[in-house]
């Protein structure tokens, strides 16, 4: 089953927080029509996975394509730290060394040491942003309490709202895909969020995508529509941000069963626009 939760709270002012929420059932299923093109070779895994459908999508034009098939990260596309005005959640220190490329994939690797946790952050801030379109990632996430992989759209020129969480889950519950759209009304932060029980995202590779236009945001998981937002739809360029955080409020702190190093494996990230 799925649900959505709308929240309202005061932002950056010293007044009491206000919450309002409601819960409804949502069960929708839609198949995105696609056609095959040149695809990347499949990586052997021990569980069923969603195959790479290729870069040709009916009704869309490819605008950004990162296959991670080079020997080194393309720094003309990516920065390896958050923008100065962005402070992500988590106990980790961001390290460029946490970004590893091999087997035609990017691996954001979280590690634990006596001095704490390190992990990686990738962003196209200053190199690529787009208003509306389809934003798609094929990935394998790590299991384990305290781990939170995230593929997010963040606003140009700066700040953390509006934002769209394209792909989000926690290692403690990798069968639950999380969806959130955040926006600002005056000094009030609002969001429209929900979840859907899916196949275990820590088993095999999966595809999560957002289709965002002037009126709505639609999330799909492995080709099936799972969530929609018609409120607070942003109308400005958004850049890409990809990370693996440790010990966030959402994921909790790692426990004795959480294994390190832990990797968020990314096969590709593709962005499309309407012709």
C-alpha atoms as a PDB file:
ATOM      1  CA  UNK A   1       0.000   0.000   0.000  1.00  0.00           C
ATOM      2  CA  UNK A   2       1.013   3.622  -0.288  1.00  0.00           C
ATOM      3  CA  UNK A   3       0.218   6.799   1.538  1.00  0.00           C
ATOM      4  CA  UNK A   4       0.958  10.471   1.489  1.00  0.00           C
ATOM      5  CA  UNK A   5       1.560  12.897   4.325  1.00  0.00           C
ATOM      6  CA  UNK A   6       1.344  16.645   4.009  1.00  0.00           C
ATOM      7  CA  UNK A   7       3.282  18.637   6.577  1.00  0.00           C
ATOM      8  CA  UNK A   8       3.526  22.329   7.352  1.00  0.00           C
ATOM      9  CA  UNK A   9       6.086  23.878   9.674  1.00  0.00           C
ATOM     10  CA  UNK A  10       7.626  27.250  10.442  1.00  0.00           C
ATOM     11  CA  UNK A  11      11.022  27.983   8.863  1.00  0.00           C
ATOM     12  CA  UNK A  12      13.817  30.023  10.511  1.00  0.00           C
ATOM     13  CA  UNK A  13      11.580  31.891  12.931  1.00  0.00           C
ATOM     14  CA  UNK A  14      11.294  31.484  16.685  1.00  0.00           C
ATOM     15  CA  UNK A  15       7.665  30.466  16.901  1.00  0.00           C
ATOM     16  CA  UNK A  16       6.001  27.090  17.682  1.00  0.00           C
ATOM     17  CA  UNK A  17       5.898  24.483  14.961  1.00  0.00           C
ATOM     18  CA  UNK A  18       2.539  23.772  13.345  1.00  0.00           C
ATOM     19  CA  UNK A  19       1.720  20.425  11.886  1.00  0.00           C
ATOM     20  CA  UNK A  20      -1.188  19.313   9.736  1.00  0.00           C
ATOM     21  CA  UNK A  21      -1.488  15.991   8.039  1.00  0.00           C
ATOM     22  CA  UNK A  22      -3.873  13.621   6.479  1.00  0.00           C
ATOM     23  CA  UNK A  23      -3.674  10.054   5.304  1.00  0.00           C
ATOM     24  CA  UNK A  24      -5.340   8.455   2.297  1.00  0.00           C
ATOM     25  CA  UNK A  25      -4.920   5.300   0.316  1.00  0.00           C
ATOM     26  CA  UNK A  26      -3.237   5.432  -3.035  1.00  0.00           C
ATOM     27  CA  UNK A  27      -2.852   2.543  -5.397  1.00  0.00           C
ATOM     28  CA  UNK A  28      -2.041   3.314  -8.971  1.00  0.00           C
ATOM     29  CA  UNK A  29      -0.147   1.426 -11.586  1.00  0.00           C
ATOM     30  CA  UNK A  30       0.990   2.717 -14.958  1.00  0.00           C
ATOM     31  CA  UNK A  31       3.589   1.522 -17.370  1.00  0.00           C
ATOM     32  CA  UNK A  32       5.882   4.056 -19.027  1.00  0.00           C
ATOM     33  CA  UNK A  33       6.092   3.299 -22.743  1.00  0.00           C
ATOM     34  CA  UNK A  34       9.719   2.862 -23.751  1.00  0.00           C
ATOM     35  CA  UNK A  35      11.706   1.529 -26.672  1.00  0.00           C
ATOM     36  CA  UNK A  36      15.137  -0.014 -26.575  1.00  0.00           C
ATOM     37  CA  UNK A  37      18.358   1.536 -27.827  1.00  0.00           C
ATOM     38  CA  UNK A  38      21.980   0.833 -27.079  1.00  0.00           C
ATOM     39  CA  UNK A  39      22.118  -0.425 -23.511  1.00  0.00           C
ATOM     40  CA  UNK A  40      24.860  -0.958 -21.005  1.00  0.00           C
ATOM     41  CA  UNK A  41      25.942  -4.537 -20.287  1.00  0.00           C
ATOM     42  CA  UNK A  42      24.175  -6.070 -17.336  1.00  0.00           C
ATOM     43  CA  UNK A  43      26.141  -6.448 -14.107  1.00  0.00           C
ATOM     44  CA  UNK A  44      25.817  -9.863 -12.514  1.00  0.00           C
ATOM     45  CA  UNK A  45      23.783  -9.791  -9.301  1.00  0.00           C
ATOM     46  CA  UNK A  46      22.143 -12.445  -7.163  1.00  0.00           C
ATOM     47  CA  UNK A  47      18.588 -11.075  -7.354  1.00  0.00           C
ATOM     48  CA  UNK A  48      16.134 -10.096 -10.106  1.00  0.00           C
ATOM     49  CA  UNK A  49      16.708  -6.579 -11.392  1.00  0.00           C
ATOM     50  CA  UNK A  50      15.208  -4.035 -13.746  1.00  0.00           C
ATOM     51  CA  UNK A  51      17.203  -3.931 -16.973  1.00  0.00           C
ATOM     52  CA  UNK A  52      18.652  -0.802 -18.547  1.00  0.00           C
ATOM     53  CA  UNK A  53      16.024   0.273 -21.123  1.00  0.00           C
ATOM     54  CA  UNK A  54      18.440   2.456 -23.091  1.00  0.00           C
ATOM     55  CA  UNK A  55      18.580   6.157 -23.813  1.00  0.00           C
ATOM     56  CA  UNK A  56      15.673   6.516 -26.278  1.00  0.00           C
ATOM     57  CA  UNK A  57      12.387   7.312 -24.578  1.00  0.00           C
ATOM     58  CA  UNK A  58       9.271   7.904 -26.665  1.00  0.00           C
ATOM     59  CA  UNK A  59       8.191  11.531 -26.408  1.00  0.00           C
ATOM     60  CA  UNK A  60      11.386  12.710 -24.705  1.00  0.00           C
ATOM     61  CA  UNK A  61      14.779  14.147 -25.705  1.00  0.00           C
ATOM     62  CA  UNK A  62      17.929  13.192 -23.787  1.00  0.00           C
ATOM     63  CA  UNK A  63      19.548  16.266 -22.185  1.00  0.00           C
ATOM     64  CA  UNK A  64      21.973  14.860 -19.598  1.00  0.00           C
ATOM     65  CA  UNK A  65      23.533  11.420 -19.649  1.00  0.00           C
ATOM     66  CA  UNK A  66      26.007  10.050 -17.127  1.00  0.00           C
ATOM     67  CA  UNK A  67      26.823   6.373 -17.648  1.00  0.00           C
ATOM     68  CA  UNK A  68      29.881   6.337 -15.339  1.00  0.00           C
ATOM     69  CA  UNK A  69      31.742   4.291 -17.948  1.00  0.00           C
ATOM     70  CA  UNK A  70      34.971   6.310 -17.882  1.00  0.00           C
ATOM     71  CA  UNK A  71      38.089   5.560 -15.858  1.00  0.00           C
ATOM     72  CA  UNK A  72      37.646   8.742 -13.811  1.00  0.00           C
ATOM     73  CA  UNK A  73      34.815  11.022 -12.762  1.00  0.00           C
ATOM     74  CA  UNK A  74      33.926  13.725 -15.290  1.00  0.00           C
ATOM     75  CA  UNK A  75      34.562  16.941 -13.355  1.00  0.00           C
ATOM     76  CA  UNK A  76      33.006  18.985 -16.128  1.00  0.00           C
ATOM     77  CA  UNK A  77      29.698  17.508 -14.926  1.00  0.00           C
ATOM     78  CA  UNK A  78      30.217  16.808 -11.235  1.00  0.00           C
ATOM     79  CA  UNK A  79      31.359  18.463  -8.038  1.00  0.00           C
ATOM     80  CA  UNK A  80      32.242  16.152  -5.135  1.00  0.00           C
ATOM     81  CA  UNK A  81      30.972  18.260  -2.255  1.00  0.00           C
ATOM     82  CA  UNK A  82      27.730  20.058  -1.384  1.00  0.00           C
ATOM     83  CA  UNK A  83      27.379  23.716  -2.369  1.00  0.00           C
ATOM     84  CA  UNK A  84      28.441  26.085   0.400  1.00  0.00           C
ATOM     85  CA  UNK A  85      24.848  27.043   1.233  1.00  0.00           C
ATOM     86  CA  UNK A  86      23.632  23.447   1.572  1.00  0.00           C
ATOM     87  CA  UNK A  87      23.992  21.501   4.842  1.00  0.00           C
ATOM     88  CA  UNK A  88      22.753  17.908   4.366  1.00  0.00           C
ATOM     89  CA  UNK A  89      21.702  15.751   7.299  1.00  0.00           C
ATOM     90  CA  UNK A  90      23.926  13.054   8.733  1.00  0.00           C
ATOM     91  CA  UNK A  91      26.926  12.249  10.898  1.00  0.00           C
ATOM     92  CA  UNK A  92      29.294  11.789   7.969  1.00  0.00           C
ATOM     93  CA  UNK A  93      32.128  13.936   6.689  1.00  0.00           C
ATOM     94  CA  UNK A  94      32.010  14.288   2.910  1.00  0.00           C
ATOM     95  CA  UNK A  95      35.127  12.959   1.191  1.00  0.00           C
ATOM     96  CA  UNK A  96      36.020  12.960  -2.532  1.00  0.00           C
ATOM     97  CA  UNK A  97      37.731   9.600  -1.912  1.00  0.00           C
ATOM     98  CA  UNK A  98      34.302   8.101  -1.194  1.00  0.00           C
ATOM     99  CA  UNK A  99      33.427   8.327  -4.911  1.00  0.00           C
ATOM    100  CA  UNK A 100      34.762   5.286  -6.770  1.00  0.00           C
ATOM    101  CA  UNK A 101      34.307   4.347 -10.423  1.00  0.00           C
ATOM    102  CA  UNK A 102      34.615   0.781 -11.701  1.00  0.00           C
ATOM    103  CA  UNK A 103      32.553  -1.795 -13.621  1.00  0.00           C
ATOM    104  CA  UNK A 104      30.825   1.062 -15.532  1.00  0.00           C
ATOM    105  CA  UNK A 105      29.258   2.316 -12.324  1.00  0.00           C
ATOM    106  CA  UNK A 106      29.760   4.970  -9.672  1.00  0.00           C
ATOM    107  CA  UNK A 107      29.987   3.753  -6.095  1.00  0.00           C
ATOM    108  CA  UNK A 108      29.400   6.162  -3.223  1.00  0.00           C
ATOM    109  CA  UNK A 109      31.061   4.392  -0.327  1.00  0.00           C
ATOM    110  CA  UNK A 110      30.356   5.094   3.344  1.00  0.00           C
ATOM    111  CA  UNK A 111      33.081   4.072   5.774  1.00  0.00           C
ATOM    112  CA  UNK A 112      33.430   3.947   9.535  1.00  0.00           C
ATOM    113  CA  UNK A 113      36.622   4.735  11.425  1.00  0.00           C
ATOM    114  CA  UNK A 114      37.653   5.637  14.964  1.00  0.00           C
ATOM    115  CA  UNK A 115      37.092   9.295  14.076  1.00  0.00           C
ATOM    116  CA  UNK A 116      33.576   8.801  12.678  1.00  0.00           C
ATOM    117  CA  UNK A 117      31.957   8.255   9.288  1.00  0.00           C
ATOM    118  CA  UNK A 118      32.898   9.393   5.802  1.00  0.00           C
ATOM    119  CA  UNK A 119      30.813   9.217   2.644  1.00  0.00           C
ATOM    120  CA  UNK A 120      30.368  10.840  -0.756  1.00  0.00           C
ATOM    121  CA  UNK A 121      28.309  13.567  -2.389  1.00  0.00           C
ATOM    122  CA  UNK A 122      27.903  14.309  -6.107  1.00  0.00           C
ATOM    123  CA  UNK A 123      26.223  17.404  -7.533  1.00  0.00           C
ATOM    124  CA  UNK A 124      25.804  19.220 -10.836  1.00  0.00           C
ATOM    125  CA  UNK A 125      25.559  22.612  -9.102  1.00  0.00           C
ATOM    126  CA  UNK A 126      27.020  25.095 -11.567  1.00  0.00           C
ATOM    127  CA  UNK A 127      27.253  22.589 -14.419  1.00  0.00           C
ATOM    128  CA  UNK A 128      23.719  21.376 -15.182  1.00  0.00           C
ATOM    129  CA  UNK A 129      20.199  22.308 -14.163  1.00  0.00           C
ATOM    130  CA  UNK A 130      16.810  21.929 -15.807  1.00  0.00           C
ATOM    131  CA  UNK A 131      13.223  23.049 -15.361  1.00  0.00           C
ATOM    132  CA  UNK A 132      10.756  20.179 -15.852  1.00  0.00           C
ATOM    133  CA  UNK A 133      11.505  16.833 -17.471  1.00  0.00           C
ATOM    134  CA  UNK A 134      12.213  13.233 -16.615  1.00  0.00           C
ATOM    135  CA  UNK A 135      14.970  12.452 -14.112  1.00  0.00           C
ATOM    136  CA  UNK A 136      15.975   8.796 -13.927  1.00  0.00           C
ATOM    137  CA  UNK A 137      18.482   6.726 -11.947  1.00  0.00           C
ATOM    138  CA  UNK A 138      19.367   3.030 -12.040  1.00  0.00           C
ATOM    139  CA  UNK A 139      20.892   1.944  -8.757  1.00  0.00           C
ATOM    140  CA  UNK A 140      21.500  -0.635  -6.068  1.00  0.00           C
ATOM    141  CA  UNK A 141      21.318   0.616  -2.483  1.00  0.00           C
ATOM    142  CA  UNK A 142      22.968  -0.742   0.668  1.00  0.00           C
ATOM    143  CA  UNK A 143      20.996  -2.372   3.460  1.00  0.00           C
ATOM    144  CA  UNK A 144      21.610  -1.500   7.096  1.00  0.00           C
ATOM    145  CA  UNK A 145      20.203   0.830   9.718  1.00  0.00           C
ATOM    146  CA  UNK A 146      21.593   4.339   9.545  1.00  0.00           C
ATOM    147  CA  UNK A 147      22.166   4.451   5.766  1.00  0.00           C
ATOM    148  CA  UNK A 148      20.220   6.859   3.567  1.00  0.00           C
ATOM    149  CA  UNK A 149      20.826   7.029  -0.212  1.00  0.00           C
ATOM    150  CA  UNK A 150      19.290  10.051  -1.909  1.00  0.00           C
ATOM    151  CA  UNK A 151      18.952  11.422  -5.445  1.00  0.00           C
ATOM    152  CA  UNK A 152      17.490  14.885  -5.148  1.00  0.00           C
ATOM    153  CA  UNK A 153      16.682  17.930  -7.276  1.00  0.00           C
ATOM    154  CA  UNK A 154      17.651  21.232  -5.630  1.00  0.00           C
ATOM    155  CA  UNK A 155      16.966  24.828  -6.669  1.00  0.00           C
ATOM    156  CA  UNK A 156      18.998  27.303  -8.645  1.00  0.00           C
ATOM    157  CA  UNK A 157      20.312  29.746  -7.530  1.00  0.00           C
ATOM    158  CA  UNK A 158      20.638  28.405  -3.975  1.00  0.00           C
ATOM    159  CA  UNK A 159      18.942  26.984  -0.884  1.00  0.00           C
ATOM    160  CA  UNK A 160      17.245  23.690  -0.120  1.00  0.00           C
ATOM    161  CA  UNK A 161      13.648  24.473  -1.141  1.00  0.00           C
ATOM    162  CA  UNK A 162      11.942  23.843  -3.401  1.00  0.00           C
ATOM    163  CA  UNK A 163      13.276  20.326  -3.757  1.00  0.00           C
ATOM    164  CA  UNK A 164      12.201  16.966  -5.160  1.00  0.00           C
ATOM    165  CA  UNK A 165      13.467  13.663  -3.784  1.00  0.00           C
ATOM    166  CA  UNK A 166      13.666  11.522  -6.917  1.00  0.00           C
ATOM    167  CA  UNK A 167      15.064   8.430  -5.204  1.00  0.00           C
ATOM    168  CA  UNK A 168      15.124   8.000  -1.430  1.00  0.00           C
ATOM    169  CA  UNK A 169      15.021   5.069   0.985  1.00  0.00           C
ATOM    170  CA  UNK A 170      16.650   3.964   4.223  1.00  0.00           C
ATOM    171  CA  UNK A 171      18.878   0.950   4.678  1.00  0.00           C
ATOM    172  CA  UNK A 172      16.774  -0.198   7.625  1.00  0.00           C
ATOM    173  CA  UNK A 173      13.730  -0.613   5.354  1.00  0.00           C
ATOM    174  CA  UNK A 174      14.940  -1.038   1.758  1.00  0.00           C
ATOM    175  CA  UNK A 175      11.530  -2.293   0.609  1.00  0.00           C
ATOM    176  CA  UNK A 176       9.979   1.149   1.172  1.00  0.00           C
ATOM    177  CA  UNK A 177      10.508   3.768  -1.544  1.00  0.00           C
ATOM    178  CA  UNK A 178      10.142   7.309  -0.200  1.00  0.00           C
ATOM    179  CA  UNK A 179       8.822  10.297  -2.149  1.00  0.00           C
ATOM    180  CA  UNK A 180       8.890  13.982  -1.164  1.00  0.00           C
ATOM    181  CA  UNK A 181       8.164  17.346  -2.767  1.00  0.00           C
ATOM    182  CA  UNK A 182       9.086  20.396  -0.648  1.00  0.00           C
ATOM    183  CA  UNK A 183       8.294  24.052  -1.184  1.00  0.00           C
ATOM    184  CA  UNK A 184       8.253  27.346   0.695  1.00  0.00           C
ATOM    185  CA  UNK A 185       5.290  29.628   1.343  1.00  0.00           C
ATOM    186  CA  UNK A 186       6.516  32.805   2.982  1.00  0.00           C
ATOM    187  CA  UNK A 187       8.451  31.628   6.030  1.00  0.00           C
ATOM    188  CA  UNK A 188       6.623  28.303   6.088  1.00  0.00           C
ATOM    189  CA  UNK A 189       8.154  25.055   4.840  1.00  0.00           C
ATOM    190  CA  UNK A 190       5.641  22.651   3.346  1.00  0.00           C
ATOM    191  CA  UNK A 191       6.010  19.199   1.898  1.00  0.00           C
ATOM    192  CA  UNK A 192       3.958  16.480   0.303  1.00  0.00           C
ATOM    193  CA  UNK A 193       5.458  13.081   0.962  1.00  0.00           C
ATOM    194  CA  UNK A 194       4.660   9.402   0.852  1.00  0.00           C
ATOM    195  CA  UNK A 195       5.966   5.881   0.454  1.00  0.00           C
ATOM    196  CA  UNK A 196       5.257   2.642  -1.379  1.00  0.00           C
ATOM    197  CA  UNK A 197       6.190  -0.958  -0.615  1.00  0.00           C
ATOM    198  CA  UNK A 198       8.354  -2.194  -3.500  1.00  0.00           C
ATOM    199  CA  UNK A 199      10.787  -4.985  -4.259  1.00  0.00           C
ATOM    200  CA  UNK A 200      13.854  -4.889  -2.002  1.00  0.00           C
ATOM    201  CA  UNK A 201      15.964  -2.023  -3.376  1.00  0.00           C
ATOM    202  CA  UNK A 202      19.094  -3.573  -1.837  1.00  0.00           C
ATOM    203  CA  UNK A 203      18.667  -6.666  -4.038  1.00  0.00           C
ATOM    204  CA  UNK A 204      19.611  -6.178  -7.661  1.00  0.00           C
ATOM    205  CA  UNK A 205      19.395  -2.940  -9.633  1.00  0.00           C
ATOM    206  CA  UNK A 206      16.254  -0.812  -9.819  1.00  0.00           C
ATOM    207  CA  UNK A 207      15.071   2.235 -11.737  1.00  0.00           C
ATOM    208  CA  UNK A 208      13.344   5.176 -10.067  1.00  0.00           C
ATOM    209  CA  UNK A 209      12.242   8.186 -12.081  1.00  0.00           C
ATOM    210  CA  UNK A 210      10.394  11.467 -11.679  1.00  0.00           C
ATOM    211  CA  UNK A 211       8.378  13.091 -14.449  1.00  0.00           C
ATOM    212  CA  UNK A 212       7.868  16.755 -13.572  1.00  0.00           C
ATOM    213  CA  UNK A 213       5.879  19.321 -15.541  1.00  0.00           C
ATOM    214  CA  UNK A 214       4.042  22.593 -14.905  1.00  0.00           C
ATOM    215  CA  UNK A 215       1.176  20.894 -13.086  1.00  0.00           C
ATOM    216  CA  UNK A 216       2.424  17.755 -11.370  1.00  0.00           C
ATOM    217  CA  UNK A 217       5.234  15.441 -10.294  1.00  0.00           C
ATOM    218  CA  UNK A 218       4.908  11.689 -10.912  1.00  0.00           C
ATOM    219  CA  UNK A 219       7.219   9.042  -9.420  1.00  0.00           C
ATOM    220  CA  UNK A 220       7.740   5.595 -10.953  1.00  0.00           C
ATOM    221  CA  UNK A 221       9.577   2.611  -9.497  1.00  0.00           C
ATOM    222  CA  UNK A 222      10.731  -0.024 -11.988  1.00  0.00           C
ATOM    223  CA  UNK A 223       8.302   1.359 -14.564  1.00  0.00           C
ATOM    224  CA  UNK A 224       5.241   1.457 -12.303  1.00  0.00           C
ATOM    225  CA  UNK A 225       3.638   4.716 -11.185  1.00  0.00           C
ATOM    226  CA  UNK A 226       3.725   4.889  -7.382  1.00  0.00           C
ATOM    227  CA  UNK A 227       3.140   8.493  -6.287  1.00  0.00           C
ATOM    228  CA  UNK A 228       1.947  11.909  -7.486  1.00  0.00           C
ATOM    229  CA  UNK A 229       2.116  15.479  -6.223  1.00  0.00           C
ATOM    230  CA  UNK A 230      -0.006  18.316  -7.569  1.00  0.00           C
ATOM    231  CA  UNK A 231       0.810  20.800  -4.797  1.00  0.00           C
ATOM    232  CA  UNK A 232       3.802  23.090  -4.587  1.00  0.00           C
ATOM    233  CA  UNK A 233       5.124  22.114  -8.015  1.00  0.00           C
ATOM    234  CA  UNK A 234       8.372  24.067  -8.628  1.00  0.00           C
ATOM    235  CA  UNK A 235       8.835  26.238 -11.695  1.00  0.00           C
ATOM    236  CA  UNK A 236      12.561  26.957 -11.670  1.00  0.00           C
ATOM    237  CA  UNK A 237      15.786  25.221 -12.725  1.00  0.00           C
ATOM    238  CA  UNK A 238      16.910  22.387 -10.438  1.00  0.00           C
ATOM    239  CA  UNK A 239      20.327  20.754 -10.243  1.00  0.00           C
ATOM    240  CA  UNK A 240      21.133  17.147  -9.351  1.00  0.00           C
ATOM    241  CA  UNK A 241      22.461  16.000  -5.970  1.00  0.00           C
ATOM    242  CA  UNK A 242      23.327  12.380  -5.150  1.00  0.00           C
ATOM    243  CA  UNK A 243      24.598  11.150  -1.796  1.00  0.00           C
ATOM    244  CA  UNK A 244      24.814   8.377   0.766  1.00  0.00           C
ATOM    245  CA  UNK A 245      24.308   9.828   4.241  1.00  0.00           C
ATOM    246  CA  UNK A 246      24.934   8.091   7.564  1.00  0.00           C
ATOM    247  CA  UNK A 247      22.969   8.621  10.766  1.00  0.00           C
ATOM    248  CA  UNK A 248      20.289  10.983   9.488  1.00  0.00           C
ATOM    249  CA  UNK A 249      17.095  11.656  11.465  1.00  0.00           C
ATOM    250  CA  UNK A 250      15.201   9.600   8.895  1.00  0.00           C
ATOM    251  CA  UNK A 251      17.570   6.598   8.856  1.00  0.00           C
ATOM    252  CA  UNK A 252      18.595   6.616  12.525  1.00  0.00           C
ATOM    253  CA  UNK A 253      22.088   5.803  13.718  1.00  0.00           C
ATOM    254  CA  UNK A 254      23.886   2.664  12.517  1.00  0.00           C
ATOM    255  CA  UNK A 255      23.690  -0.350  14.807  1.00  0.00           C
ATOM    256  CA  UNK A 256      25.882  -3.388  15.306  1.00  0.00           C
ATOM    257  CA  UNK A 257      24.370  -5.111  12.259  1.00  0.00           C
ATOM    258  CA  UNK A 258      25.193  -2.266   9.851  1.00  0.00           C
ATOM    259  CA  UNK A 259      28.150  -3.301   7.724  1.00  0.00           C
ATOM    260  CA  UNK A 260      30.846  -0.891   6.599  1.00  0.00           C
ATOM    261  CA  UNK A 261      32.022  -0.079   4.040  1.00  0.00           C
ATOM    262  CA  UNK A 262      28.553   0.325   2.514  1.00  0.00           C
ATOM    263  CA  UNK A 263      28.057   1.376  -1.107  1.00  0.00           C
ATOM    264  CA  UNK A 264      25.320   3.154  -3.046  1.00  0.00           C
ATOM    265  CA  UNK A 265      25.917   1.767  -6.563  1.00  0.00           C
ATOM    266  CA  UNK A 266      24.759   3.953  -9.468  1.00  0.00           C
ATOM    267  CA  UNK A 267      24.616   2.498 -12.975  1.00  0.00           C
ATOM    268  CA  UNK A 268      23.463   5.706 -14.671  1.00  0.00           C
ATOM    269  CA  UNK A 269      21.692   9.021 -14.261  1.00  0.00           C
ATOM    270  CA  UNK A 270      19.704  10.386 -17.233  1.00  0.00           C
ATOM    271  CA  UNK A 271      17.679  13.535 -17.691  1.00  0.00           C
ATOM    272  CA  UNK A 272      15.168  14.067 -20.475  1.00  0.00           C
ATOM    273  CA  UNK A 273      13.031  16.980 -21.660  1.00  0.00           C
ATOM    274  CA  UNK A 274       9.978  17.223 -23.866  1.00  0.00           C
ATOM    275  CA  UNK A 275      10.905  18.108 -27.493  1.00  0.00           C
END
